[in-house]
């Protein structure tokens, strides 16, 4: 999945946080909904502008960010 096709960062929109396709829904919002126990179907029902691919892009974005984190030796 190429999340760059779905995730945008625009100065001034949602404090320049990563958003989905220029919408005002942030990657953090979607991840937080999933972490709180919402299903994909529930998120899609609440936000009809979103698609399953948008949700997968959020997960791919988070995974890529995690991969890029610097590890500090103990």
PDB file of N, CA and C in Angstrom:
ATOM      1  N   UNK A   1       0.856  -1.190   0.000  1.00  0.00           N
ATOM      2  CA  UNK A   1       0.000   0.000   0.000  1.00  0.00           C
ATOM      3  C   UNK A   1       0.885   1.230   0.000  1.00  0.00           C
ATOM      4  N   UNK A   2       0.642   2.122  -0.926  1.00  0.00           N
ATOM      5  CA  UNK A   2       1.369   3.386  -0.994  1.00  0.00           C
ATOM      6  C   UNK A   2       0.535   4.455  -0.282  1.00  0.00           C
ATOM      7  N   UNK A   3       0.786   4.618   1.012  1.00  0.00           N
ATOM      8  CA  UNK A   3      -0.036   5.547   1.794  1.00  0.00           C
ATOM      9  C   UNK A   3       0.100   6.991   1.328  1.00  0.00           C
ATOM     10  N   UNK A   4       1.187   7.327   0.606  1.00  0.00           N
ATOM     11  CA  UNK A   4       1.361   8.697   0.138  1.00  0.00           C
ATOM     12  C   UNK A   4       0.240   9.127  -0.812  1.00  0.00           C
ATOM     13  N   UNK A   5      -0.445   8.165  -1.409  1.00  0.00           N
ATOM     14  CA  UNK A   5      -1.579   8.490  -2.278  1.00  0.00           C
ATOM     15  C   UNK A   5      -2.812   8.908  -1.476  1.00  0.00           C
ATOM     16  N   UNK A   6      -2.800   8.659  -0.170  1.00  0.00           N
ATOM     17  CA  UNK A   6      -3.971   8.908   0.671  1.00  0.00           C
ATOM     18  C   UNK A   6      -3.736   9.939   1.769  1.00  0.00           C
ATOM     19  N   UNK A   7      -2.511  10.014   2.266  1.00  0.00           N
ATOM     20  CA  UNK A   7      -2.205  10.874   3.412  1.00  0.00           C
ATOM     21  C   UNK A   7      -1.589  12.184   2.918  1.00  0.00           C
ATOM     22  N   UNK A   8      -2.156  13.296   3.378  1.00  0.00           N
ATOM     23  CA  UNK A   8      -1.665  14.612   2.985  1.00  0.00           C
ATOM     24  C   UNK A   8      -1.321  15.427   4.227  1.00  0.00           C
ATOM     25  N   UNK A   9      -0.358  16.309   4.066  1.00  0.00           N
ATOM     26  CA  UNK A   9      -0.005  17.249   5.131  1.00  0.00           C
ATOM     27  C   UNK A   9      -0.033  18.636   4.505  1.00  0.00           C
ATOM     28  N   UNK A  10      -0.969  19.451   4.990  1.00  0.00           N
ATOM     29  CA  UNK A  10      -1.144  20.794   4.447  1.00  0.00           C
ATOM     30  C   UNK A  10      -0.941  21.830   5.546  1.00  0.00           C
ATOM     31  N   UNK A  11      -0.060  22.796   5.302  1.00  0.00           N
ATOM     32  CA  UNK A  11       0.135  23.852   6.300  1.00  0.00           C
ATOM     33  C   UNK A  11      -1.194  24.535   6.634  1.00  0.00           C
ATOM     34  N   UNK A  12      -1.445  24.675   7.923  1.00  0.00           N
ATOM     35  CA  UNK A  12      -2.655  25.368   8.358  1.00  0.00           C
ATOM     36  C   UNK A  12      -3.888  24.491   8.500  1.00  0.00           C
ATOM     37  N   UNK A  13      -3.860  23.296   7.960  1.00  0.00           N
ATOM     38  CA  UNK A  13      -5.023  22.404   8.099  1.00  0.00           C
ATOM     39  C   UNK A  13      -4.748  21.438   9.243  1.00  0.00           C
ATOM     40  N   UNK A  14      -5.598  21.492  10.253  1.00  0.00           N
ATOM     41  CA  UNK A  14      -5.472  20.637  11.443  1.00  0.00           C
ATOM     42  C   UNK A  14      -4.056  20.716  12.026  1.00  0.00           C
ATOM     43  N   UNK A  15      -3.531  21.919  12.082  1.00  0.00           N
ATOM     44  CA  UNK A  15      -2.194  22.180  12.634  1.00  0.00           C
ATOM     45  C   UNK A  15      -1.103  21.405  11.902  1.00  0.00           C
ATOM     46  N   UNK A  16      -1.286  21.217  10.612  1.00  0.00           N
ATOM     47  CA  UNK A  16      -0.329  20.520   9.742  1.00  0.00           C
ATOM     48  C   UNK A  16      -0.139  19.050  10.105  1.00  0.00           C
ATOM     49  N   UNK A  17      -1.150  18.473  10.749  1.00  0.00           N
ATOM     50  CA  UNK A  17      -1.096  17.043  11.064  1.00  0.00           C
ATOM     51  C   UNK A  17      -1.435  16.246   9.805  1.00  0.00           C
ATOM     52  N   UNK A  18      -0.940  15.019   9.705  1.00  0.00           N
ATOM     53  CA  UNK A  18      -1.272  14.178   8.553  1.00  0.00           C
ATOM     54  C   UNK A  18      -2.778  13.906   8.501  1.00  0.00           C
ATOM     55  N   UNK A  19      -3.381  14.227   7.367  1.00  0.00           N
ATOM     56  CA  UNK A  19      -4.821  14.040   7.169  1.00  0.00           C
ATOM     57  C   UNK A  19      -5.066  13.061   6.017  1.00  0.00           C
ATOM     58  N   UNK A  20      -6.288  12.632   5.899  1.00  0.00           N
ATOM     59  CA  UNK A  20      -6.664  11.692   4.854  1.00  0.00           C
ATOM     60  C   UNK A  20      -7.220  12.458   3.662  1.00  0.00           C
ATOM     61  N   UNK A  21      -6.551  12.317   2.529  1.00  0.00           N
ATOM     62  CA  UNK A  21      -6.972  12.897   1.240  1.00  0.00           C
ATOM     63  C   UNK A  21      -7.414  14.353   1.337  1.00  0.00           C
ATOM     64  N   UNK A  22      -6.732  15.139   2.144  1.00  0.00           N
ATOM     65  CA  UNK A  22      -7.070  16.550   2.243  1.00  0.00           C
ATOM     66  C   UNK A  22      -8.308  16.837   3.080  1.00  0.00           C
ATOM     67  N   UNK A  23      -8.938  15.803   3.611  1.00  0.00           N
ATOM     68  CA  UNK A  23     -10.082  15.993   4.504  1.00  0.00           C
ATOM     69  C   UNK A  23      -9.573  16.508   5.842  1.00  0.00           C
ATOM     70  N   UNK A  24     -10.473  16.843   6.721  1.00  0.00           N
ATOM     71  CA  UNK A  24     -10.077  17.308   8.045  1.00  0.00           C
ATOM     72  C   UNK A  24     -10.039  16.168   9.053  1.00  0.00           C
ATOM     73  N   UNK A  25      -9.952  14.950   8.575  1.00  0.00           N
ATOM     74  CA  UNK A  25      -9.843  13.770   9.436  1.00  0.00           C
ATOM     75  C   UNK A  25      -8.374  13.366   9.463  1.00  0.00           C
ATOM     76  N   UNK A  26      -7.790  13.350  10.668  1.00  0.00           N
ATOM     77  CA  UNK A  26      -6.360  13.058  10.771  1.00  0.00           C
ATOM     78  C   UNK A  26      -6.112  11.558  10.895  1.00  0.00           C
ATOM     79  N   UNK A  27      -4.875  11.197  10.591  1.00  0.00           N
ATOM     80  CA  UNK A  27      -4.440   9.814  10.785  1.00  0.00           C
ATOM     81  C   UNK A  27      -4.621   9.448  12.254  1.00  0.00           C
ATOM     82  N   UNK A  28      -4.246  10.364  13.141  1.00  0.00           N
ATOM     83  CA  UNK A  28      -4.398  10.124  14.574  1.00  0.00           C
ATOM     84  C   UNK A  28      -5.848   9.816  14.935  1.00  0.00           C
ATOM     85  N   UNK A  29      -6.790  10.568  14.368  1.00  0.00           N
ATOM     86  CA  UNK A  29      -8.206  10.323  14.659  1.00  0.00           C
ATOM     87  C   UNK A  29      -8.568   8.876  14.354  1.00  0.00           C
ATOM     88  N   UNK A  30      -8.211   8.426  13.161  1.00  0.00           N
ATOM     89  CA  UNK A  30      -8.572   7.069  12.736  1.00  0.00           C
ATOM     90  C   UNK A  30      -7.898   6.031  13.622  1.00  0.00           C
ATOM     91  N   UNK A  31      -6.611   6.224  13.905  1.00  0.00           N
ATOM     92  CA  UNK A  31      -5.900   5.275  14.768  1.00  0.00           C
ATOM     93  C   UNK A  31      -6.504   5.245  16.160  1.00  0.00           C
ATOM     94  N   UNK A  32      -6.894   6.407  16.658  1.00  0.00           N
ATOM     95  CA  UNK A  32      -7.518   6.483  17.982  1.00  0.00           C
ATOM     96  C   UNK A  32      -8.861   5.756  18.005  1.00  0.00           C
ATOM     97  N   UNK A  33      -9.646   5.901  16.948  1.00  0.00           N
ATOM     98  CA  UNK A  33     -10.920   5.185  16.870  1.00  0.00           C
ATOM     99  C   UNK A  33     -10.700   3.677  16.870  1.00  0.00           C
ATOM    100  N   UNK A  34      -9.717   3.224  16.097  1.00  0.00           N
ATOM    101  CA  UNK A  34      -9.421   1.792  16.057  1.00  0.00           C
ATOM    102  C   UNK A  34      -8.934   1.298  17.417  1.00  0.00           C
ATOM    103  N   UNK A  35      -8.068   2.074  18.059  1.00  0.00           N
ATOM    104  CA  UNK A  35      -7.526   1.691  19.365  1.00  0.00           C
ATOM    105  C   UNK A  35      -8.605   1.653  20.442  1.00  0.00           C
ATOM    106  N   UNK A  36      -9.637   2.478  20.279  1.00  0.00           N
ATOM    107  CA  UNK A  36     -10.713   2.497  21.275  1.00  0.00           C
ATOM    108  C   UNK A  36     -11.706   1.356  21.072  1.00  0.00           C
ATOM    109  N   UNK A  37     -11.507   0.587  19.997  1.00  0.00           N
ATOM    110  CA  UNK A  37     -12.362  -0.577  19.787  1.00  0.00           C
ATOM    111  C   UNK A  37     -13.365  -0.445  18.660  1.00  0.00           C
ATOM    112  N   UNK A  38     -13.399   0.696  17.997  1.00  0.00           N
ATOM    113  CA  UNK A  38     -14.322   0.834  16.868  1.00  0.00           C
ATOM    114  C   UNK A  38     -13.883  -0.090  15.735  1.00  0.00           C
ATOM    115  N   UNK A  39     -14.842  -0.666  15.048  1.00  0.00           N
ATOM    116  CA  UNK A  39     -14.530  -1.486  13.884  1.00  0.00           C
ATOM    117  C   UNK A  39     -14.410  -0.588  12.652  1.00  0.00           C
ATOM    118  N   UNK A  40     -13.835  -1.139  11.603  1.00  0.00           N
ATOM    119  CA  UNK A  40     -13.763  -0.382  10.347  1.00  0.00           C
ATOM    120  C   UNK A  40     -15.157   0.019   9.899  1.00  0.00           C
ATOM    121  N   UNK A  41     -16.110  -0.904   9.994  1.00  0.00           N
ATOM    122  CA  UNK A  41     -17.481  -0.606   9.566  1.00  0.00           C
ATOM    123  C   UNK A  41     -18.081   0.550  10.366  1.00  0.00           C
ATOM    124  N   UNK A  42     -17.822   0.584  11.670  1.00  0.00           N
ATOM    125  CA  UNK A  42     -18.347   1.679  12.497  1.00  0.00           C
ATOM    126  C   UNK A  42     -17.730   3.016  12.086  1.00  0.00           C
ATOM    127  N   UNK A  43     -16.428   3.013  11.821  1.00  0.00           N
ATOM    128  CA  UNK A  43     -15.760   4.247  11.393  1.00  0.00           C
ATOM    129  C   UNK A  43     -16.327   4.704  10.058  1.00  0.00           C
ATOM    130  N   UNK A  44     -16.499   3.768   9.136  1.00  0.00           N
ATOM    131  CA  UNK A  44     -17.033   4.124   7.816  1.00  0.00           C
ATOM    132  C   UNK A  44     -18.478   4.614   7.910  1.00  0.00           C
ATOM    133  N   UNK A  45     -19.250   4.070   8.842  1.00  0.00           N
ATOM    134  CA  UNK A  45     -20.618   4.554   9.041  1.00  0.00           C
ATOM    135  C   UNK A  45     -20.620   5.982   9.588  1.00  0.00           C
ATOM    136  N   UNK A  46     -19.695   6.269  10.518  1.00  0.00           N
ATOM    137  CA  UNK A  46     -19.629   7.597  11.124  1.00  0.00           C
ATOM    138  C   UNK A  46     -19.027   8.650  10.191  1.00  0.00           C
ATOM    139  N   UNK A  47     -18.151   8.202   9.291  1.00  0.00           N
ATOM    140  CA  UNK A  47     -17.463   9.117   8.380  1.00  0.00           C
ATOM    141  C   UNK A  47     -17.610   8.609   6.947  1.00  0.00           C
ATOM    142  N   UNK A  48     -18.727   8.919   6.300  1.00  0.00           N
ATOM    143  CA  UNK A  48     -19.005   8.375   4.964  1.00  0.00           C
ATOM    144  C   UNK A  48     -18.008   8.800   3.882  1.00  0.00           C
ATOM    145  N   UNK A  49     -17.203   9.844   4.149  1.00  0.00           N
ATOM    146  CA  UNK A  49     -16.188  10.257   3.170  1.00  0.00           C
ATOM    147  C   UNK A  49     -14.981   9.316   3.161  1.00  0.00           C
ATOM    148  N   UNK A  50     -14.842   8.509   4.206  1.00  0.00           N
ATOM    149  CA  UNK A  50     -13.704   7.592   4.299  1.00  0.00           C
ATOM    150  C   UNK A  50     -13.979   6.286   3.569  1.00  0.00           C
ATOM    151  N   UNK A  51     -12.887   5.633   3.175  1.00  0.00           N
ATOM    152  CA  UNK A  51     -12.963   4.310   2.552  1.00  0.00           C
ATOM    153  C   UNK A  51     -12.095   3.340   3.346  1.00  0.00           C
ATOM    154  N   UNK A  52     -12.251   2.065   3.067  1.00  0.00           N
ATOM    155  CA  UNK A  52     -11.393   1.053   3.704  1.00  0.00           C
ATOM    156  C   UNK A  52      -9.930   1.305   3.356  1.00  0.00           C
ATOM    157  N   UNK A  53      -9.676   1.754   2.143  1.00  0.00           N
ATOM    158  CA  UNK A  53      -8.306   2.050   1.729  1.00  0.00           C
ATOM    159  C   UNK A  53      -7.720   3.193   2.556  1.00  0.00           C
ATOM    160  N   UNK A  54      -8.546   4.173   2.921  1.00  0.00           N
ATOM    161  CA  UNK A  54      -8.089   5.270   3.773  1.00  0.00           C
ATOM    162  C   UNK A  54      -7.631   4.722   5.127  1.00  0.00           C
ATOM    163  N   UNK A  55      -8.399   3.821   5.695  1.00  0.00           N
ATOM    164  CA  UNK A  55      -8.056   3.235   6.994  1.00  0.00           C
ATOM    165  C   UNK A  55      -6.757   2.433   6.877  1.00  0.00           C
ATOM    166  N   UNK A  56      -6.624   1.653   5.823  1.00  0.00           N
ATOM    167  CA  UNK A  56      -5.391   0.890   5.609  1.00  0.00           C
ATOM    168  C   UNK A  56      -4.199   1.835   5.423  1.00  0.00           C
ATOM    169  N   UNK A  57      -4.417   2.947   4.759  1.00  0.00           N
ATOM    170  CA  UNK A  57      -3.348   3.926   4.570  1.00  0.00           C
ATOM    171  C   UNK A  57      -2.902   4.501   5.911  1.00  0.00           C
ATOM    172  N   UNK A  58      -3.831   4.721   6.825  1.00  0.00           N
ATOM    173  CA  UNK A  58      -3.478   5.212   8.163  1.00  0.00           C
ATOM    174  C   UNK A  58      -2.599   4.198   8.887  1.00  0.00           C
ATOM    175  N   UNK A  59      -2.963   2.936   8.788  1.00  0.00           N
ATOM    176  CA  UNK A  59      -2.167   1.890   9.424  1.00  0.00           C
ATOM    177  C   UNK A  59      -0.786   1.794   8.782  1.00  0.00           C
ATOM    178  N   UNK A  60      -0.718   1.883   7.462  1.00  0.00           N
ATOM    179  CA  UNK A  60       0.567   1.823   6.767  1.00  0.00           C
ATOM    180  C   UNK A  60       1.442   3.024   7.135  1.00  0.00           C
ATOM    181  N   UNK A  61       0.828   4.200   7.237  1.00  0.00           N
ATOM    182  CA  UNK A  61       1.545   5.410   7.636  1.00  0.00           C
ATOM    183  C   UNK A  61       2.144   5.236   9.033  1.00  0.00           C
ATOM    184  N   UNK A  62       1.337   4.738   9.971  1.00  0.00           N
ATOM    185  CA  UNK A  62       1.798   4.530  11.345  1.00  0.00           C
ATOM    186  C   UNK A  62       2.917   3.485  11.392  1.00  0.00           C
ATOM    187  N   UNK A  63       2.777   2.420  10.627  1.00  0.00           N
ATOM    188  CA  UNK A  63       3.810   1.384  10.594  1.00  0.00           C
ATOM    189  C   UNK A  63       5.114   1.951  10.043  1.00  0.00           C
ATOM    190  N   UNK A  64       5.025   2.767   9.003  1.00  0.00           N
ATOM    191  CA  UNK A  64       6.222   3.361   8.415  1.00  0.00           C
ATOM    192  C   UNK A  64       6.891   4.315   9.396  1.00  0.00           C
ATOM    193  N   UNK A  65       6.099   5.095  10.090  1.00  0.00           N
ATOM    194  CA  UNK A  65       6.653   6.012  11.097  1.00  0.00           C
ATOM    195  C   UNK A  65       7.344   5.230  12.209  1.00  0.00           C
ATOM    196  N   UNK A  66       6.743   4.159  12.627  1.00  0.00           N
ATOM    197  CA  UNK A  66       7.322   3.325  13.682  1.00  0.00           C
ATOM    198  C   UNK A  66       8.656   2.741  13.215  1.00  0.00           C
ATOM    199  N   UNK A  67       8.713   2.302  11.983  1.00  0.00           N
ATOM    200  CA  UNK A  67       9.930   1.730  11.409  1.00  0.00           C
ATOM    201  C   UNK A  67      11.054   2.760  11.390  1.00  0.00           C
ATOM    202  N   UNK A  68      10.699   4.022  11.179  1.00  0.00           N
ATOM    203  CA  UNK A  68      11.697   5.086  11.034  1.00  0.00           C
ATOM    204  C   UNK A  68      12.159   5.685  12.377  1.00  0.00           C
ATOM    205  N   UNK A  69      11.506   5.309  13.468  1.00  0.00           N
ATOM    206  CA  UNK A  69      11.904   5.851  14.767  1.00  0.00           C
ATOM    207  C   UNK A  69      13.333   5.444  15.099  1.00  0.00           C
ATOM    208  N   UNK A  70      14.061   6.376  15.648  1.00  0.00           N
ATOM    209  CA  UNK A  70      15.432   6.092  16.028  1.00  0.00           C
ATOM    210  C   UNK A  70      15.423   5.310  17.333  1.00  0.00           C
ATOM    211  N   UNK A  71      16.212   4.266  17.399  1.00  0.00           N
ATOM    212  CA  UNK A  71      16.339   3.481  18.613  1.00  0.00           C
ATOM    213  C   UNK A  71      17.528   4.012  19.410  1.00  0.00           C
ATOM    214  N   UNK A  72      17.290   4.294  20.681  1.00  0.00           N
ATOM    215  CA  UNK A  72      18.346   4.788  21.552  1.00  0.00           C
ATOM    216  C   UNK A  72      18.861   3.600  22.361  1.00  0.00           C
ATOM    217  N   UNK A  73      20.163   3.304  22.258  1.00  0.00           N
ATOM    218  CA  UNK A  73      20.699   2.163  22.995  1.00  0.00           C
ATOM    219  C   UNK A  73      20.535   2.344  24.501  1.00  0.00           C
ATOM    220  N   UNK A  74      20.316   1.242  25.191  1.00  0.00           N
ATOM    221  CA  UNK A  74      20.125   1.284  26.657  1.00  0.00           C
ATOM    222  C   UNK A  74      21.429   1.453  27.381  1.00  0.00           C
TER     223      UNK A  74
END
